[in-house]
Amino acid sequence: MKTCFFIGHRETSERVLPALSQEVERHIVEYGVTEFVAGHYGGFDRLAASAVKEAKQRHPEVTLTLLLPYHPAERPIPTPEGFDRTLYPEGMETAPKRLAIVRANRWMLCHCDYLIAYVWHTASNSRELLEYAKRREKQGLLRVTNLAE
């Protein structure tokens, strides 16, 4: 199973949705991605989930997983409509709350095959995570697409 993760800025505009939907479709058709993982803390996460939900109508084999940065016992989150499951990364129990989202995202970058990003800010956690992903890409561990480039 090939997995694709998403990273982007909270304030991402709806104008990105067509390009994002096209990229999701390409990842399914050309790269054989069957699992997409998204967070739920901002505009880009919401748009990514929307693009995958739309694609799932054409590709019923595709799944959408919600990445949980906080332990579900502490912050219960029911699986949202259109998602197939939730994922709380192993080892996150010891992460400080203020770093939980960044650590969960970094964990996911080590456990996925593809990344679709929309990162343009120079000083942001998303930028740092994208740079980390690009280093992994140079090692042949991940394939990165940044829609903002």
N, C-alpha and C. Protein backbone atom coordinates (compact mmCIF):
# COMPACT_ATOMS: atom_id res chain seq x y z
N MET A 1 0.84 -1.17 0.00
CA MET A 1 0.00 0.00 0.00
C MET A 1 0.89 1.25 0.00
N LYS A 2 0.61 2.17 -0.89
CA LYS A 2 1.36 3.43 -0.96
C LYS A 2 0.56 4.51 -0.26
N THR A 3 1.28 5.31 0.54
CA THR A 3 0.65 6.32 1.38
C THR A 3 1.13 7.71 1.01
N CYS A 4 0.20 8.66 1.01
CA CYS A 4 0.51 10.06 0.74
C CYS A 4 0.02 10.91 1.90
N PHE A 5 0.88 11.83 2.34
CA PHE A 5 0.57 12.74 3.44
C PHE A 5 0.50 14.15 2.90
N PHE A 6 -0.13 15.04 3.65
CA PHE A 6 -0.29 16.44 3.26
C PHE A 6 0.29 17.36 4.32
N ILE A 7 0.97 18.42 3.88
CA ILE A 7 1.44 19.49 4.78
C ILE A 7 1.19 20.81 4.07
N GLY A 8 0.62 21.76 4.81
CA GLY A 8 0.38 23.08 4.25
C GLY A 8 0.01 24.07 5.33
N HIS A 9 -0.16 25.31 4.93
CA HIS A 9 -0.44 26.39 5.87
C HIS A 9 -1.92 26.44 6.24
N ARG A 10 -2.17 26.87 7.46
CA ARG A 10 -3.54 26.99 7.97
C ARG A 10 -4.39 27.91 7.10
N GLU A 11 -3.80 28.99 6.62
CA GLU A 11 -4.57 30.01 5.90
C GLU A 11 -4.63 29.79 4.39
N THR A 12 -4.48 28.57 3.93
CA THR A 12 -4.51 28.28 2.50
C THR A 12 -5.89 28.59 1.92
N SER A 13 -5.88 29.25 0.77
CA SER A 13 -7.11 29.68 0.10
C SER A 13 -7.77 28.54 -0.68
N GLU A 14 -9.06 28.65 -0.83
CA GLU A 14 -9.86 27.70 -1.64
C GLU A 14 -9.35 27.63 -3.08
N ARG A 15 -8.66 28.66 -3.54
CA ARG A 15 -8.16 28.68 -4.93
C ARG A 15 -7.20 27.54 -5.22
N VAL A 16 -6.65 26.94 -4.18
CA VAL A 16 -5.70 25.83 -4.33
C VAL A 16 -6.41 24.52 -4.65
N LEU A 17 -7.70 24.44 -4.33
CA LEU A 17 -8.42 23.17 -4.44
C LEU A 17 -8.35 22.51 -5.83
N PRO A 18 -8.53 23.21 -6.93
CA PRO A 18 -8.42 22.53 -8.24
C PRO A 18 -7.06 21.87 -8.46
N ALA A 19 -5.97 22.57 -8.16
CA ALA A 19 -4.64 22.00 -8.33
C ALA A 19 -4.42 20.84 -7.37
N LEU A 20 -4.92 20.98 -6.16
CA LEU A 20 -4.80 19.93 -5.16
C LEU A 20 -5.57 18.68 -5.59
N SER A 21 -6.78 18.86 -6.08
CA SER A 21 -7.59 17.74 -6.56
C SER A 21 -6.91 17.03 -7.73
N GLN A 22 -6.34 17.80 -8.62
CA GLN A 22 -5.63 17.23 -9.77
C GLN A 22 -4.41 16.42 -9.30
N GLU A 23 -3.72 16.93 -8.29
CA GLU A 23 -2.53 16.23 -7.78
C GLU A 23 -2.93 14.94 -7.05
N VAL A 24 -4.02 14.96 -6.31
CA VAL A 24 -4.52 13.75 -5.66
C VAL A 24 -4.85 12.70 -6.71
N GLU A 25 -5.54 13.11 -7.76
CA GLU A 25 -5.89 12.19 -8.84
C GLU A 25 -4.63 11.60 -9.47
N ARG A 26 -3.64 12.43 -9.71
CA ARG A 26 -2.38 11.96 -10.31
C ARG A 26 -1.69 10.94 -9.39
N HIS A 27 -1.70 11.20 -8.10
CA HIS A 27 -1.07 10.27 -7.17
C HIS A 27 -1.78 8.91 -7.17
N ILE A 28 -3.08 8.92 -7.35
CA ILE A 28 -3.83 7.66 -7.39
C ILE A 28 -3.55 6.92 -8.70
N VAL A 29 -3.71 7.62 -9.81
CA VAL A 29 -3.62 6.99 -11.13
C VAL A 29 -2.19 6.66 -11.53
N GLU A 30 -1.27 7.60 -11.36
CA GLU A 30 0.11 7.40 -11.82
C GLU A 30 1.01 6.69 -10.81
N TYR A 31 0.82 7.00 -9.53
CA TYR A 31 1.74 6.47 -8.50
C TYR A 31 1.16 5.30 -7.72
N GLY A 32 -0.13 5.04 -7.88
CA GLY A 32 -0.74 3.91 -7.18
C GLY A 32 -1.00 4.14 -5.71
N VAL A 33 -1.15 5.39 -5.30
CA VAL A 33 -1.45 5.69 -3.90
C VAL A 33 -2.86 5.22 -3.58
N THR A 34 -2.99 4.51 -2.46
CA THR A 34 -4.31 4.05 -2.02
C THR A 34 -4.68 4.58 -0.65
N GLU A 35 -3.72 5.15 0.07
CA GLU A 35 -4.03 5.72 1.39
C GLU A 35 -3.52 7.15 1.46
N PHE A 36 -4.40 8.04 1.87
CA PHE A 36 -4.05 9.44 2.09
C PHE A 36 -4.24 9.73 3.57
N VAL A 37 -3.33 10.52 4.13
CA VAL A 37 -3.38 10.88 5.54
C VAL A 37 -3.36 12.40 5.63
N ALA A 38 -4.32 12.94 6.37
CA ALA A 38 -4.42 14.39 6.53
C ALA A 38 -4.64 14.73 8.00
N GLY A 39 -4.23 15.94 8.37
CA GLY A 39 -4.53 16.46 9.69
C GLY A 39 -5.86 17.18 9.67
N HIS A 40 -6.13 17.94 10.73
CA HIS A 40 -7.40 18.67 10.76
C HIS A 40 -7.27 19.99 11.52
N TYR A 41 -6.14 20.67 11.30
CA TYR A 41 -5.91 21.90 12.04
C TYR A 41 -5.76 23.14 11.16
N GLY A 42 -6.27 23.12 9.97
CA GLY A 42 -6.15 24.33 9.16
C GLY A 42 -6.78 24.19 7.79
N GLY A 43 -6.67 25.29 7.05
CA GLY A 43 -7.26 25.36 5.73
C GLY A 43 -6.74 24.32 4.76
N PHE A 44 -5.43 24.13 4.74
CA PHE A 44 -4.89 23.16 3.79
C PHE A 44 -5.34 21.75 4.14
N ASP A 45 -5.36 21.42 5.43
CA ASP A 45 -5.83 20.09 5.84
C ASP A 45 -7.27 19.87 5.37
N ARG A 46 -8.11 20.88 5.56
CA ARG A 46 -9.51 20.78 5.15
C ARG A 46 -9.63 20.59 3.63
N LEU A 47 -8.85 21.35 2.87
CA LEU A 47 -8.89 21.23 1.40
C LEU A 47 -8.36 19.87 0.95
N ALA A 48 -7.30 19.39 1.59
CA ALA A 48 -6.74 18.08 1.24
C ALA A 48 -7.77 16.99 1.47
N ALA A 49 -8.43 17.03 2.62
CA ALA A 49 -9.46 16.02 2.92
C ALA A 49 -10.59 16.10 1.90
N SER A 50 -10.98 17.30 1.53
CA SER A 50 -12.05 17.48 0.54
C SER A 50 -11.66 16.89 -0.81
N ALA A 51 -10.42 17.12 -1.23
CA ALA A 51 -9.95 16.58 -2.51
C ALA A 51 -9.94 15.05 -2.50
N VAL A 52 -9.53 14.47 -1.38
CA VAL A 52 -9.49 13.01 -1.30
C VAL A 52 -10.91 12.44 -1.24
N LYS A 53 -11.79 13.06 -0.50
CA LYS A 53 -13.18 12.59 -0.43
C LYS A 53 -13.82 12.58 -1.81
N GLU A 54 -13.53 13.61 -2.59
CA GLU A 54 -14.04 13.68 -3.97
C GLU A 54 -13.45 12.54 -4.81
N ALA A 55 -12.16 12.30 -4.67
CA ALA A 55 -11.49 11.24 -5.43
C ALA A 55 -11.99 9.85 -5.03
N LYS A 56 -12.37 9.68 -3.78
CA LYS A 56 -12.87 8.39 -3.29
C LYS A 56 -14.15 7.97 -4.02
N GLN A 57 -14.88 8.93 -4.52
CA GLN A 57 -16.10 8.62 -5.28
C GLN A 57 -15.77 7.91 -6.59
N ARG A 58 -14.63 8.23 -7.18
CA ARG A 58 -14.18 7.61 -8.43
C ARG A 58 -13.29 6.41 -8.17
N HIS A 59 -12.66 6.38 -7.00
CA HIS A 59 -11.69 5.33 -6.67
C HIS A 59 -12.05 4.75 -5.29
N PRO A 60 -12.99 3.80 -5.23
CA PRO A 60 -13.45 3.28 -3.94
C PRO A 60 -12.37 2.55 -3.14
N GLU A 61 -11.26 2.20 -3.77
CA GLU A 61 -10.17 1.53 -3.06
C GLU A 61 -9.34 2.48 -2.20
N VAL A 62 -9.52 3.78 -2.40
CA VAL A 62 -8.75 4.80 -1.69
C VAL A 62 -9.31 5.00 -0.29
N THR A 63 -8.40 5.16 0.68
CA THR A 63 -8.81 5.46 2.05
C THR A 63 -8.26 6.81 2.49
N LEU A 64 -8.95 7.40 3.45
CA LEU A 64 -8.54 8.68 4.03
C LEU A 64 -8.44 8.50 5.53
N THR A 65 -7.26 8.80 6.06
CA THR A 65 -6.97 8.63 7.48
C THR A 65 -6.72 10.00 8.11
N LEU A 66 -7.26 10.20 9.31
CA LEU A 66 -7.06 11.44 10.06
C LEU A 66 -5.91 11.23 11.03
N LEU A 67 -4.86 12.05 10.91
CA LEU A 67 -3.71 11.99 11.81
C LEU A 67 -4.04 12.73 13.10
N LEU A 68 -3.89 12.04 14.23
CA LEU A 68 -4.17 12.63 15.54
C LEU A 68 -2.86 12.96 16.26
N PRO A 69 -2.59 14.21 16.56
CA PRO A 69 -1.36 14.56 17.28
C PRO A 69 -1.50 14.40 18.80
N TYR A 70 -2.73 14.35 19.29
CA TYR A 70 -2.98 14.23 20.73
C TYR A 70 -3.63 12.88 21.01
N HIS A 71 -3.26 12.30 22.14
CA HIS A 71 -3.77 10.97 22.49
C HIS A 71 -5.30 10.98 22.51
N PRO A 72 -5.91 10.02 21.84
CA PRO A 72 -7.37 10.00 21.75
C PRO A 72 -8.07 9.87 23.11
N ALA A 73 -7.39 9.34 24.11
CA ALA A 73 -8.00 9.25 25.44
C ALA A 73 -8.07 10.64 26.09
N GLU A 74 -7.11 11.51 25.75
CA GLU A 74 -7.08 12.86 26.31
C GLU A 74 -7.94 13.83 25.52
N ARG A 75 -7.94 13.68 24.21
CA ARG A 75 -8.75 14.54 23.33
C ARG A 75 -9.49 13.64 22.36
N PRO A 76 -10.61 13.08 22.81
CA PRO A 76 -11.36 12.16 21.94
C PRO A 76 -11.87 12.88 20.68
N ILE A 77 -11.63 12.27 19.55
CA ILE A 77 -12.12 12.80 18.28
C ILE A 77 -12.75 11.64 17.52
N PRO A 78 -14.07 11.68 17.33
CA PRO A 78 -14.68 10.62 16.53
C PRO A 78 -14.19 10.73 15.08
N THR A 79 -14.17 9.62 14.39
CA THR A 79 -13.75 9.64 12.99
C THR A 79 -14.72 10.52 12.21
N PRO A 80 -14.22 11.62 11.61
CA PRO A 80 -15.11 12.53 10.87
C PRO A 80 -15.71 11.87 9.63
N GLU A 81 -16.81 12.39 9.20
CA GLU A 81 -17.48 11.88 8.01
C GLU A 81 -16.54 11.97 6.81
N GLY A 82 -16.49 10.90 6.04
CA GLY A 82 -15.63 10.85 4.86
C GLY A 82 -14.25 10.26 5.14
N PHE A 83 -13.87 10.18 6.41
CA PHE A 83 -12.61 9.54 6.80
C PHE A 83 -12.87 8.08 7.10
N ASP A 84 -11.87 7.25 6.88
CA ASP A 84 -12.02 5.82 7.12
C ASP A 84 -11.52 5.39 8.49
N ARG A 85 -10.59 6.16 9.03
CA ARG A 85 -10.05 5.81 10.34
C ARG A 85 -9.23 6.99 10.87
N THR A 86 -8.77 6.83 12.10
CA THR A 86 -7.84 7.80 12.69
C THR A 86 -6.53 7.07 12.98
N LEU A 87 -5.47 7.85 13.10
CA LEU A 87 -4.15 7.29 13.38
C LEU A 87 -3.46 8.16 14.43
N TYR A 88 -3.09 7.53 15.54
CA TYR A 88 -2.29 8.18 16.56
C TYR A 88 -0.92 7.52 16.51
N PRO A 89 0.14 8.25 16.09
CA PRO A 89 1.46 7.64 15.91
C PRO A 89 2.02 7.05 17.20
N GLU A 90 2.64 5.90 17.05
CA GLU A 90 3.26 5.27 18.21
C GLU A 90 4.41 6.13 18.72
N GLY A 91 4.57 6.15 20.03
CA GLY A 91 5.64 6.92 20.64
C GLY A 91 5.29 8.37 20.93
N MET A 92 4.10 8.80 20.54
CA MET A 92 3.71 10.20 20.73
C MET A 92 3.31 10.51 22.17
N GLU A 93 3.14 9.50 22.99
CA GLU A 93 2.68 9.70 24.36
C GLU A 93 3.61 10.61 25.15
N THR A 94 4.88 10.63 24.81
CA THR A 94 5.86 11.41 25.56
C THR A 94 6.10 12.80 24.96
N ALA A 95 5.47 13.10 23.84
CA ALA A 95 5.68 14.41 23.19
C ALA A 95 5.00 15.52 24.00
N PRO A 96 5.71 16.62 24.25
CA PRO A 96 5.07 17.76 24.92
C PRO A 96 3.91 18.27 24.07
N LYS A 97 2.85 18.70 24.69
CA LYS A 97 1.64 19.15 23.97
C LYS A 97 1.96 20.22 22.93
N ARG A 98 2.85 21.15 23.26
CA ARG A 98 3.15 22.24 22.33
C ARG A 98 3.89 21.76 21.08
N LEU A 99 4.47 20.57 21.14
CA LEU A 99 5.19 20.01 19.99
C LEU A 99 4.45 18.86 19.32
N ALA A 100 3.28 18.52 19.82
CA ALA A 100 2.58 17.32 19.35
C ALA A 100 2.29 17.34 17.86
N ILE A 101 1.80 18.44 17.34
CA ILE A 101 1.45 18.49 15.91
C ILE A 101 2.71 18.32 15.05
N VAL A 102 3.77 19.04 15.39
CA VAL A 102 5.01 18.95 14.62
C VAL A 102 5.58 17.53 14.68
N ARG A 103 5.56 16.93 15.87
CA ARG A 103 6.10 15.57 16.02
C ARG A 103 5.26 14.55 15.26
N ALA A 104 3.94 14.69 15.29
CA ALA A 104 3.08 13.77 14.55
C ALA A 104 3.33 13.90 13.05
N ASN A 105 3.47 15.14 12.58
CA ASN A 105 3.75 15.37 11.16
C ASN A 105 5.10 14.77 10.76
N ARG A 106 6.10 14.96 11.59
CA ARG A 106 7.43 14.41 11.29
C ARG A 106 7.38 12.88 11.29
N TRP A 107 6.66 12.30 12.24
CA TRP A 107 6.50 10.84 12.27
C TRP A 107 5.87 10.37 10.96
N MET A 108 4.86 11.10 10.52
CA MET A 108 4.17 10.71 9.29
C MET A 108 5.10 10.80 8.09
N LEU A 109 5.98 11.80 8.07
CA LEU A 109 6.94 11.93 6.96
C LEU A 109 7.89 10.74 6.90
N CYS A 110 8.09 10.08 8.01
CA CYS A 110 8.94 8.89 8.04
C CYS A 110 8.16 7.61 7.73
N HIS A 111 6.86 7.73 7.57
CA HIS A 111 6.02 6.56 7.35
C HIS A 111 5.11 6.71 6.14
N CYS A 112 5.50 7.55 5.20
CA CYS A 112 4.71 7.69 3.97
C CYS A 112 5.64 7.62 2.76
N ASP A 113 5.04 7.45 1.61
CA ASP A 113 5.80 7.35 0.35
C ASP A 113 5.79 8.66 -0.43
N TYR A 114 4.74 9.45 -0.24
CA TYR A 114 4.55 10.68 -1.00
C TYR A 114 4.10 11.80 -0.07
N LEU A 115 4.44 13.02 -0.45
CA LEU A 115 3.98 14.21 0.27
C LEU A 115 3.46 15.20 -0.75
N ILE A 116 2.25 15.68 -0.52
CA ILE A 116 1.72 16.80 -1.28
C ILE A 116 1.67 17.98 -0.31
N ALA A 117 2.39 19.05 -0.67
CA ALA A 117 2.50 20.21 0.21
C ALA A 117 2.00 21.45 -0.50
N TYR A 118 1.68 22.44 0.31
CA TYR A 118 1.43 23.79 -0.18
C TYR A 118 2.07 24.72 0.84
N VAL A 119 3.36 24.98 0.62
CA VAL A 119 4.17 25.72 1.58
C VAL A 119 4.87 26.86 0.86
N TRP A 120 4.63 28.08 1.33
CA TRP A 120 5.30 29.24 0.75
C TRP A 120 5.91 30.14 1.82
N HIS A 121 5.43 30.10 3.07
CA HIS A 121 6.04 30.91 4.12
C HIS A 121 7.47 30.45 4.38
N THR A 122 8.35 31.39 4.58
CA THR A 122 9.74 31.02 4.85
C THR A 122 9.96 30.64 6.31
N ALA A 123 9.22 31.24 7.21
CA ALA A 123 9.39 30.94 8.64
C ALA A 123 8.12 30.29 9.18
N SER A 124 8.08 28.98 9.11
CA SER A 124 6.90 28.27 9.62
C SER A 124 7.27 26.82 9.89
N ASN A 125 6.48 26.16 10.70
CA ASN A 125 6.69 24.74 10.94
C ASN A 125 6.50 23.94 9.65
N SER A 126 5.55 24.38 8.83
CA SER A 126 5.33 23.68 7.55
C SER A 126 6.58 23.74 6.68
N ARG A 127 7.27 24.89 6.64
CA ARG A 127 8.50 25.04 5.86
C ARG A 127 9.58 24.10 6.39
N GLU A 128 9.73 24.05 7.72
CA GLU A 128 10.73 23.16 8.30
C GLU A 128 10.44 21.70 7.98
N LEU A 129 9.17 21.33 8.04
CA LEU A 129 8.79 19.96 7.72
C LEU A 129 9.01 19.66 6.24
N LEU A 130 8.73 20.64 5.38
CA LEU A 130 8.97 20.45 3.95
C LEU A 130 10.47 20.26 3.69
N GLU A 131 11.31 21.04 4.33
CA GLU A 131 12.76 20.89 4.16
C GLU A 131 13.21 19.51 4.63
N TYR A 132 12.67 19.04 5.73
CA TYR A 132 12.97 17.69 6.21
C TYR A 132 12.54 16.65 5.17
N ALA A 133 11.35 16.83 4.61
CA ALA A 133 10.85 15.90 3.59
C ALA A 133 11.75 15.91 2.35
N LYS A 134 12.23 17.08 1.97
CA LYS A 134 13.11 17.17 0.80
C LYS A 134 14.44 16.46 1.04
N ARG A 135 14.93 16.52 2.27
CA ARG A 135 16.15 15.76 2.60
C ARG A 135 15.89 14.26 2.47
N ARG A 136 14.73 13.82 2.91
CA ARG A 136 14.36 12.40 2.77
C ARG A 136 14.20 12.03 1.29
N GLU A 137 13.69 12.99 0.51
CA GLU A 137 13.53 12.75 -0.93
C GLU A 137 14.90 12.54 -1.59
N LYS A 138 15.88 13.32 -1.21
CA LYS A 138 17.23 13.18 -1.77
C LYS A 138 17.82 11.81 -1.45
N GLN A 139 17.36 11.20 -0.36
CA GLN A 139 17.82 9.86 0.03
C GLN A 139 16.99 8.76 -0.64
N GLY A 140 16.01 9.17 -1.46
CA GLY A 140 15.16 8.20 -2.14
C GLY A 140 14.08 7.58 -1.26
N LEU A 141 13.75 8.25 -0.15
CA LEU A 141 12.80 7.69 0.81
C LEU A 141 11.39 8.23 0.65
N LEU A 142 11.22 9.26 -0.16
CA LEU A 142 9.95 9.98 -0.23
C LEU A 142 9.91 10.77 -1.53
N ARG A 143 8.72 11.00 -2.06
CA ARG A 143 8.58 11.86 -3.24
C ARG A 143 7.73 13.05 -2.84
N VAL A 144 8.25 14.26 -3.09
CA VAL A 144 7.61 15.49 -2.62
C VAL A 144 7.09 16.30 -3.80
N THR A 145 5.86 16.80 -3.64
CA THR A 145 5.26 17.75 -4.58
C THR A 145 4.81 18.95 -3.76
N ASN A 146 5.36 20.13 -4.07
CA ASN A 146 4.92 21.36 -3.40
C ASN A 146 4.16 22.19 -4.41
N LEU A 147 2.86 22.32 -4.21
CA LEU A 147 1.99 23.06 -5.14
C LEU A 147 2.29 24.55 -5.16
N ALA A 148 3.05 25.04 -4.19
CA ALA A 148 3.37 26.47 -4.13
C ALA A 148 4.62 26.81 -4.94
N GLU A 149 5.29 25.81 -5.50
CA GLU A 149 6.51 26.08 -6.27
C GLU A 149 6.23 26.10 -7.74
